[in-house]
Protein backbone atom coordinates (compact mmCIF):
# COMPACT_ATOMS: atom_id res chain seq x y z
CA MET A 1 25.79 13.56 -5.21
CA ASN A 2 24.82 11.11 -2.47
CA THR A 3 22.52 8.28 -3.42
CA PRO A 4 20.09 7.41 -0.62
CA PRO A 5 20.58 3.92 0.82
CA VAL A 6 18.41 1.12 -0.48
CA ASP A 7 15.86 -0.32 1.96
CA SER A 8 16.53 -4.00 1.24
CA GLY A 9 13.24 -5.18 2.77
CA ARG A 10 11.11 -2.73 0.83
CA GLU A 11 13.04 -3.45 -2.36
CA ALA A 12 12.64 -7.24 -1.93
CA LEU A 13 8.93 -6.93 -1.22
CA LEU A 14 8.28 -4.74 -4.25
CA ARG A 15 10.49 -6.99 -6.40
CA ALA A 16 8.43 -10.04 -5.32
CA LEU A 17 5.21 -8.27 -6.34
CA GLN A 18 6.77 -7.14 -9.62
CA ASP A 19 8.25 -10.55 -10.45
CA GLY A 20 4.92 -12.17 -9.56
CA GLY A 21 3.09 -10.04 -12.14
CA VAL A 22 0.89 -8.25 -9.59
CA THR A 23 -0.84 -5.09 -10.84
CA TYR A 24 -1.36 -2.45 -8.13
CA VAL A 25 -0.95 1.17 -7.14
CA LEU A 26 1.36 2.07 -4.26
CA ILE A 27 -0.47 4.13 -1.64
CA GLY A 28 0.09 5.24 1.96
CA GLY A 29 3.30 6.31 3.63
CA ALA A 30 5.67 4.82 1.05
CA ALA A 31 3.80 6.81 -1.61
CA LEU A 32 4.25 9.98 0.48
CA GLU A 33 7.97 9.25 0.83
CA THR A 34 8.18 8.68 -2.93
CA HIS A 35 6.55 12.08 -3.47
CA ARG A 36 9.31 13.47 -1.19
CA GLN A 37 6.97 14.43 1.60
CA PRO A 38 8.13 14.69 5.24
CA HIS A 39 6.90 11.28 6.29
CA ARG A 40 8.54 8.04 7.40
CA THR A 41 6.99 4.60 7.28
CA ASP A 42 8.24 1.05 7.56
CA ASP A 43 5.40 -0.64 5.69
CA VAL A 44 4.23 -0.89 2.10
CA ASP A 45 0.58 -0.25 1.26
CA ILE A 46 -0.90 -1.34 -2.04
CA ALA A 47 -4.28 -1.17 -3.75
CA PRO A 48 -4.30 -4.14 -6.17
CA ALA A 49 -6.39 -4.60 -9.28
CA VAL A 50 -9.25 -6.99 -8.51
CA ASP A 51 -9.50 -8.98 -11.71
CA PRO A 52 -9.33 -12.75 -11.05
CA LEU A 53 -5.95 -13.28 -12.73
CA ASN A 54 -4.33 -10.47 -10.75
CA LEU A 55 -5.77 -11.81 -7.51
CA GLU A 56 -4.30 -15.22 -8.36
CA HIS A 57 -0.90 -13.60 -8.95
CA LEU A 58 -1.17 -11.71 -5.64
CA ALA A 59 -2.18 -14.88 -3.79
CA ASP A 60 0.81 -16.75 -5.23
CA VAL A 61 3.19 -14.00 -4.14
CA LEU A 62 1.70 -13.78 -0.65
CA ASN A 63 1.87 -17.56 -0.24
CA ALA A 64 5.59 -17.42 -1.08
CA LEU A 65 6.32 -14.62 1.43
CA ASP A 66 5.60 -16.51 4.69
CA CYS A 67 2.88 -14.06 5.71
CA ARG A 68 1.60 -13.56 9.20
CA LEU A 69 -1.67 -11.75 9.85
CA VAL A 70 -1.04 -8.65 11.95
CA THR A 71 -3.75 -8.40 14.58
CA ASP A 72 -2.06 -5.78 16.79
CA VAL A 73 0.84 -3.86 15.28
CA ASP A 74 2.33 -3.33 18.76
CA ASP A 75 2.14 -7.00 19.85
CA GLU A 76 4.12 -9.27 17.55
CA SER A 77 3.22 -12.27 19.71
CA SER A 78 -0.41 -11.87 18.60
CA TRP A 79 0.38 -12.14 14.88
CA VAL A 80 -1.10 -15.24 13.27
CA ALA A 81 1.05 -17.46 11.07
CA LEU A 82 -0.91 -18.42 7.97
CA PRO A 83 -0.68 -21.97 6.60
CA ASN A 84 1.05 -22.74 3.32
CA GLY A 85 -1.25 -22.02 0.40
CA TYR A 86 -3.66 -20.01 2.55
CA PHE A 87 -4.21 -17.26 0.00
CA THR A 88 -6.41 -17.72 -3.05
CA ALA A 89 -8.24 -15.16 -5.15
CA ALA A 90 -11.40 -15.98 -3.18
CA THR A 91 -9.64 -15.73 0.19
CA LEU A 92 -8.28 -12.30 -0.65
CA ARG A 93 -11.77 -10.98 -1.41
CA ARG A 94 -13.03 -11.99 2.05
CA ALA A 95 -11.60 -8.77 3.53
CA ASP A 96 -11.19 -5.21 2.32
CA VAL A 97 -7.82 -4.87 4.11
CA TRP A 98 -5.09 -7.39 4.85
CA ASN A 99 -2.46 -6.23 7.36
CA LEU A 100 0.40 -8.66 6.85
CA HIS A 101 3.98 -9.13 7.91
CA THR A 102 6.12 -10.87 5.33
CA ARG A 103 9.70 -12.13 5.43
CA HIS A 104 10.60 -8.73 3.91
CA GLY A 105 8.52 -6.53 6.21
CA ALA A 106 5.02 -5.16 6.63
CA LEU A 107 2.57 -5.17 3.73
CA ASP A 108 -0.96 -3.80 3.81
CA VAL A 109 -3.20 -4.91 0.94
CA THR A 110 -6.20 -2.60 0.65
CA PHE A 111 -9.03 -3.13 -1.80
CA LYS A 112 -11.02 -0.06 -0.72
CA PRO A 113 -8.69 2.63 0.63
CA SER A 114 -10.40 5.45 2.51
CA GLY A 115 -11.99 7.83 0.03
CA PHE A 116 -11.65 5.40 -2.90
CA PRO A 117 -14.42 2.79 -2.77
CA ARG A 118 -13.31 1.24 -6.07
CA GLY A 119 -9.69 1.10 -4.94
CA TYR A 120 -7.31 0.41 -7.80
CA GLU A 121 -9.86 1.46 -10.40
CA ASP A 122 -10.17 4.92 -8.81
CA LEU A 123 -6.48 5.36 -8.00
CA GLN A 124 -4.85 4.17 -11.20
CA ARG A 125 -6.30 7.12 -13.16
CA ASN A 126 -3.97 9.62 -11.50
CA ALA A 127 -1.12 7.25 -10.65
CA GLU A 128 2.25 7.56 -12.34
CA PRO A 129 5.23 5.22 -12.52
CA LEU A 130 7.89 6.44 -10.09
CA GLN A 131 11.00 5.01 -8.48
CA ILE A 132 9.91 4.09 -4.98
CA ALA A 133 11.73 5.82 -2.12
CA GLY A 134 14.50 3.63 -0.77
CA THR A 135 14.47 1.30 -3.78
CA ARG A 136 15.50 0.95 -7.40
CA ILE A 137 11.98 -0.29 -8.27
CA VAL A 138 9.55 1.68 -10.45
CA VAL A 139 5.81 1.05 -9.93
CA PRO A 140 2.61 3.07 -10.31
CA VAL A 141 2.25 5.43 -7.34
CA ALA A 142 -0.97 7.15 -6.34
CA SER A 143 -0.87 10.89 -6.88
CA LEU A 144 0.03 13.01 -3.87
CA HIS A 145 -3.43 14.56 -4.08
CA ASP A 146 -5.08 11.12 -3.93
CA VAL A 147 -2.90 9.89 -1.05
CA GLU A 148 -3.67 13.01 0.95
CA HIS A 149 -7.39 12.73 0.14
CA SER A 150 -7.32 9.17 1.48
CA LYS A 151 -5.52 10.27 4.64
CA ARG A 152 -8.00 13.12 5.12
CA THR A 153 -10.90 10.69 4.67
CA ALA A 154 -9.42 8.08 7.04
CA ASP A 155 -8.99 10.85 9.63
CA ARG A 156 -6.74 8.80 11.94
CA PRO A 157 -4.53 10.70 14.41
CA LYS A 158 -1.38 9.84 12.42
CA ASP A 159 -3.04 11.13 9.23
CA ARG A 160 -4.14 14.38 10.88
CA ASP A 161 -0.60 14.81 12.22
CA TYR A 162 0.93 14.45 8.75
CA LEU A 163 -1.66 16.72 7.08
CA SER A 164 -1.18 19.34 9.80
CA ARG A 165 2.63 19.25 9.41
CA VAL A 166 2.39 19.87 5.66
CA GLY A 167 -0.35 22.49 6.00
CA ARG A 168 -3.03 20.53 4.14
CA LEU A 169 -5.36 19.45 6.92
CA ARG A 170 -8.37 21.00 5.21
CA PRO A 171 -9.57 19.60 1.89
CA SER A 172 -9.08 21.61 -1.24
CA ASN A 173 -11.97 22.31 -3.56
CA LEU A 174 -10.24 19.96 -6.02
CA ASP A 175 -10.59 16.86 -3.84
CA PHE A 176 -11.46 13.69 -5.68
CA GLU A 177 -15.11 12.71 -5.62
CA PRO A 178 -15.57 9.08 -6.66
CA GLU A 179 -18.34 8.33 -9.11
CA PRO A 180 -21.36 6.52 -7.61
């Protein structure tokens, strides 16, 4: 039996989050890959818990990863280098989404993923610990249903393309409805 190769960047990024004590749910393309769906992504998307201690842990990890703010994914020259110690719990809460490039690759931190206004709180209910595609790391991964609901809600061309390819472009009557 062939073991798939380890993605050293993804593994190092997830290991940094794990070693830093960050609580989150993996979402997005890496979650789809982990659920063995026909999708390929180079980034890692997470929905972190928003309690103050977790945000401090996340800030510490991000500060250690030499983050650059991605302003245009197609123009690396536009990415903004962030100063040492830039991230704090308060800084992180100034945006709902942080598109970052770390020394280990792309990381998107999302507090309110499409379709899940309470982010981690909504997603962790159906998440399960799984070994992440391309790694030896086990973390909570959003359910396939929740990831696809988020993609359907975001309704970006790349999301419609994926949902069309897997035959789930239309929502099921079981789609998640967040509580008010």
